[in-house]
Amino acid sequence: MSVSHTTPSGWRKSSRSTNTDNCVEVGSIGDGAAVRDTKNRATGYFTANREQWSAFVAAFKGGKFDA
């Protein structure tokens, strides 16, 4: 699966990151998602197709990345 090479749109960040400098933004791109650093948007973004993004979100919600 590949992600469309269009420009991401609808960038948003979590409402839980309001009082922190460590956050990312997620945008829509083709049939997937794009992610970028809120503090340094000029460095670009990475993309994930729908299947990859769904797996990441499920792992995150399941606590796989908890310290």
N, C-alpha and C. Protein backbone atom coordinates (compact mmCIF):
# COMPACT_ATOMS: atom_id res chain seq x y z
N MET A 1 0.84 -1.18 0.00
CA MET A 1 0.00 0.00 0.00
C MET A 1 0.88 1.24 0.00
N SER A 2 0.45 2.24 -0.68
CA SER A 2 1.20 3.49 -0.69
C SER A 2 0.28 4.65 -0.37
N VAL A 3 0.90 5.72 0.07
CA VAL A 3 0.16 6.93 0.41
C VAL A 3 0.25 7.86 -0.79
N SER A 4 -0.83 8.51 -1.11
CA SER A 4 -0.86 9.47 -2.21
C SER A 4 0.17 10.57 -1.97
N HIS A 5 0.74 11.08 -3.04
CA HIS A 5 1.74 12.14 -2.94
C HIS A 5 1.11 13.53 -3.04
N THR A 6 -0.02 13.69 -2.40
CA THR A 6 -0.65 15.00 -2.34
C THR A 6 -0.16 15.73 -1.10
N THR A 7 -0.51 16.97 -0.98
CA THR A 7 -0.12 17.77 0.18
C THR A 7 -1.07 17.47 1.34
N PRO A 8 -0.52 17.22 2.53
CA PRO A 8 -1.39 16.97 3.69
C PRO A 8 -2.29 18.17 3.98
N SER A 9 -3.45 17.89 4.52
CA SER A 9 -4.39 18.96 4.88
C SER A 9 -5.02 18.66 6.23
N GLY A 10 -5.67 19.67 6.79
CA GLY A 10 -6.40 19.50 8.04
C GLY A 10 -5.50 19.20 9.23
N TRP A 11 -4.32 19.82 9.27
CA TRP A 11 -3.40 19.56 10.39
C TRP A 11 -4.08 19.86 11.71
N ARG A 12 -3.86 18.99 12.71
CA ARG A 12 -4.43 19.21 14.05
C ARG A 12 -3.51 18.57 15.09
N LYS A 13 -3.58 19.08 16.30
CA LYS A 13 -2.83 18.48 17.40
C LYS A 13 -3.78 18.18 18.53
N SER A 14 -3.38 17.30 19.39
CA SER A 14 -4.22 16.88 20.50
C SER A 14 -4.55 18.05 21.42
N SER A 15 -5.76 18.08 21.90
CA SER A 15 -6.14 19.11 22.87
C SER A 15 -5.40 18.89 24.19
N ARG A 16 -4.86 17.70 24.41
CA ARG A 16 -4.10 17.40 25.62
C ARG A 16 -2.69 17.99 25.58
N SER A 17 -2.27 18.49 24.45
CA SER A 17 -0.92 19.03 24.34
C SER A 17 -0.89 20.55 24.41
N THR A 18 -1.94 21.15 24.91
CA THR A 18 -2.07 22.60 24.97
C THR A 18 -0.95 23.27 25.78
N ASN A 19 -0.57 22.69 26.90
CA ASN A 19 0.41 23.32 27.79
C ASN A 19 1.79 22.68 27.71
N THR A 20 2.16 22.16 26.56
CA THR A 20 3.46 21.51 26.41
C THR A 20 4.10 21.88 25.09
N ASP A 21 5.42 21.81 25.05
CA ASP A 21 6.15 22.09 23.81
C ASP A 21 6.44 20.82 23.03
N ASN A 22 6.18 19.67 23.59
CA ASN A 22 6.48 18.39 22.96
C ASN A 22 5.23 17.81 22.32
N CYS A 23 4.93 18.26 21.11
CA CYS A 23 3.74 17.74 20.47
C CYS A 23 3.96 17.60 18.97
N VAL A 24 3.12 16.81 18.38
CA VAL A 24 3.12 16.62 16.94
C VAL A 24 1.74 16.96 16.41
N GLU A 25 1.68 17.15 15.11
CA GLU A 25 0.40 17.40 14.45
C GLU A 25 0.16 16.27 13.46
N VAL A 26 -1.11 15.96 13.26
CA VAL A 26 -1.50 14.92 12.32
C VAL A 26 -2.36 15.56 11.25
N GLY A 27 -2.08 15.23 10.00
CA GLY A 27 -2.87 15.73 8.88
C GLY A 27 -3.35 14.57 8.02
N SER A 28 -4.33 14.84 7.20
CA SER A 28 -4.84 13.84 6.26
C SER A 28 -4.06 13.91 4.97
N ILE A 29 -3.73 12.74 4.43
CA ILE A 29 -3.06 12.68 3.13
C ILE A 29 -3.50 11.41 2.42
N GLY A 30 -4.13 11.58 1.29
CA GLY A 30 -4.60 10.42 0.53
C GLY A 30 -5.42 9.49 1.40
N ASP A 31 -5.01 8.24 1.45
CA ASP A 31 -5.71 7.22 2.24
C ASP A 31 -4.94 6.93 3.53
N GLY A 32 -4.37 7.98 4.14
CA GLY A 32 -3.58 7.77 5.35
C GLY A 32 -3.42 9.03 6.15
N ALA A 33 -2.26 9.12 6.83
CA ALA A 33 -2.00 10.25 7.73
C ALA A 33 -0.58 10.75 7.53
N ALA A 34 -0.39 12.02 7.83
CA ALA A 34 0.93 12.64 7.83
C ALA A 34 1.18 13.17 9.24
N VAL A 35 2.42 13.11 9.71
CA VAL A 35 2.77 13.55 11.06
C VAL A 35 3.96 14.48 10.98
N ARG A 36 3.90 15.59 11.72
CA ARG A 36 5.02 16.54 11.75
C ARG A 36 5.21 17.10 13.16
N ASP A 37 6.40 17.64 13.39
CA ASP A 37 6.75 18.26 14.67
C ASP A 37 6.15 19.66 14.69
N THR A 38 5.37 19.97 15.69
CA THR A 38 4.72 21.27 15.78
C THR A 38 5.73 22.41 15.91
N LYS A 39 6.83 22.17 16.62
CA LYS A 39 7.84 23.22 16.84
C LYS A 39 8.70 23.48 15.61
N ASN A 40 8.81 22.48 14.73
CA ASN A 40 9.72 22.61 13.60
C ASN A 40 9.06 22.07 12.33
N ARG A 41 8.02 22.73 11.91
CA ARG A 41 7.24 22.28 10.76
C ARG A 41 8.05 22.25 9.46
N ALA A 42 9.07 23.09 9.38
CA ALA A 42 9.87 23.18 8.15
C ALA A 42 10.68 21.92 7.88
N THR A 43 10.84 21.04 8.87
CA THR A 43 11.62 19.82 8.65
C THR A 43 10.84 18.78 7.87
N GLY A 44 9.58 19.02 7.63
CA GLY A 44 8.77 18.10 6.84
C GLY A 44 7.89 17.21 7.68
N TYR A 45 7.49 16.09 7.11
CA TYR A 45 6.56 15.18 7.77
C TYR A 45 6.80 13.77 7.25
N PHE A 46 6.29 12.80 8.00
CA PHE A 46 6.32 11.43 7.49
C PHE A 46 4.88 10.99 7.28
N THR A 47 4.70 9.98 6.45
CA THR A 47 3.36 9.52 6.13
C THR A 47 3.20 8.04 6.47
N ALA A 48 1.96 7.66 6.66
CA ALA A 48 1.59 6.26 6.89
C ALA A 48 0.29 6.01 6.15
N ASN A 49 0.18 4.82 5.55
CA ASN A 49 -1.09 4.52 4.90
C ASN A 49 -2.11 4.14 5.97
N ARG A 50 -3.33 3.91 5.56
CA ARG A 50 -4.42 3.66 6.52
C ARG A 50 -4.11 2.46 7.42
N GLU A 51 -3.60 1.39 6.85
CA GLU A 51 -3.29 0.19 7.62
C GLU A 51 -2.19 0.46 8.66
N GLN A 52 -1.14 1.14 8.25
CA GLN A 52 -0.04 1.48 9.17
C GLN A 52 -0.52 2.40 10.29
N TRP A 53 -1.30 3.41 9.93
CA TRP A 53 -1.78 4.36 10.92
C TRP A 53 -2.70 3.68 11.93
N SER A 54 -3.59 2.82 11.45
CA SER A 54 -4.49 2.10 12.34
C SER A 54 -3.72 1.21 13.31
N ALA A 55 -2.67 0.55 12.82
CA ALA A 55 -1.84 -0.30 13.69
C ALA A 55 -1.13 0.54 14.74
N PHE A 56 -0.62 1.71 14.35
CA PHE A 56 0.05 2.60 15.30
C PHE A 56 -0.91 3.08 16.38
N VAL A 57 -2.08 3.55 15.98
CA VAL A 57 -3.06 4.06 16.94
C VAL A 57 -3.49 2.95 17.90
N ALA A 58 -3.72 1.75 17.38
CA ALA A 58 -4.11 0.62 18.24
C ALA A 58 -3.00 0.29 19.24
N ALA A 59 -1.75 0.30 18.80
CA ALA A 59 -0.63 0.02 19.69
C ALA A 59 -0.51 1.10 20.76
N PHE A 60 -0.69 2.35 20.36
CA PHE A 60 -0.62 3.46 21.30
C PHE A 60 -1.72 3.34 22.36
N LYS A 61 -2.94 3.13 21.91
CA LYS A 61 -4.07 3.00 22.83
C LYS A 61 -3.92 1.78 23.72
N GLY A 62 -3.23 0.76 23.24
CA GLY A 62 -3.03 -0.47 24.01
C GLY A 62 -1.87 -0.37 24.99
N GLY A 63 -1.19 0.77 25.03
CA GLY A 63 -0.12 0.99 26.01
C GLY A 63 1.25 0.49 25.59
N LYS A 64 1.41 0.11 24.33
CA LYS A 64 2.69 -0.43 23.87
C LYS A 64 3.85 0.56 24.05
N PHE A 65 3.58 1.83 24.02
CA PHE A 65 4.64 2.84 24.11
C PHE A 65 4.75 3.49 25.49
N ASP A 66 4.02 2.97 26.46
CA ASP A 66 4.10 3.52 27.81
C ASP A 66 5.48 3.26 28.40
N ALA A 67 5.99 4.23 29.08
CA ALA A 67 7.33 4.08 29.68
C ALA A 67 7.28 3.28 30.95
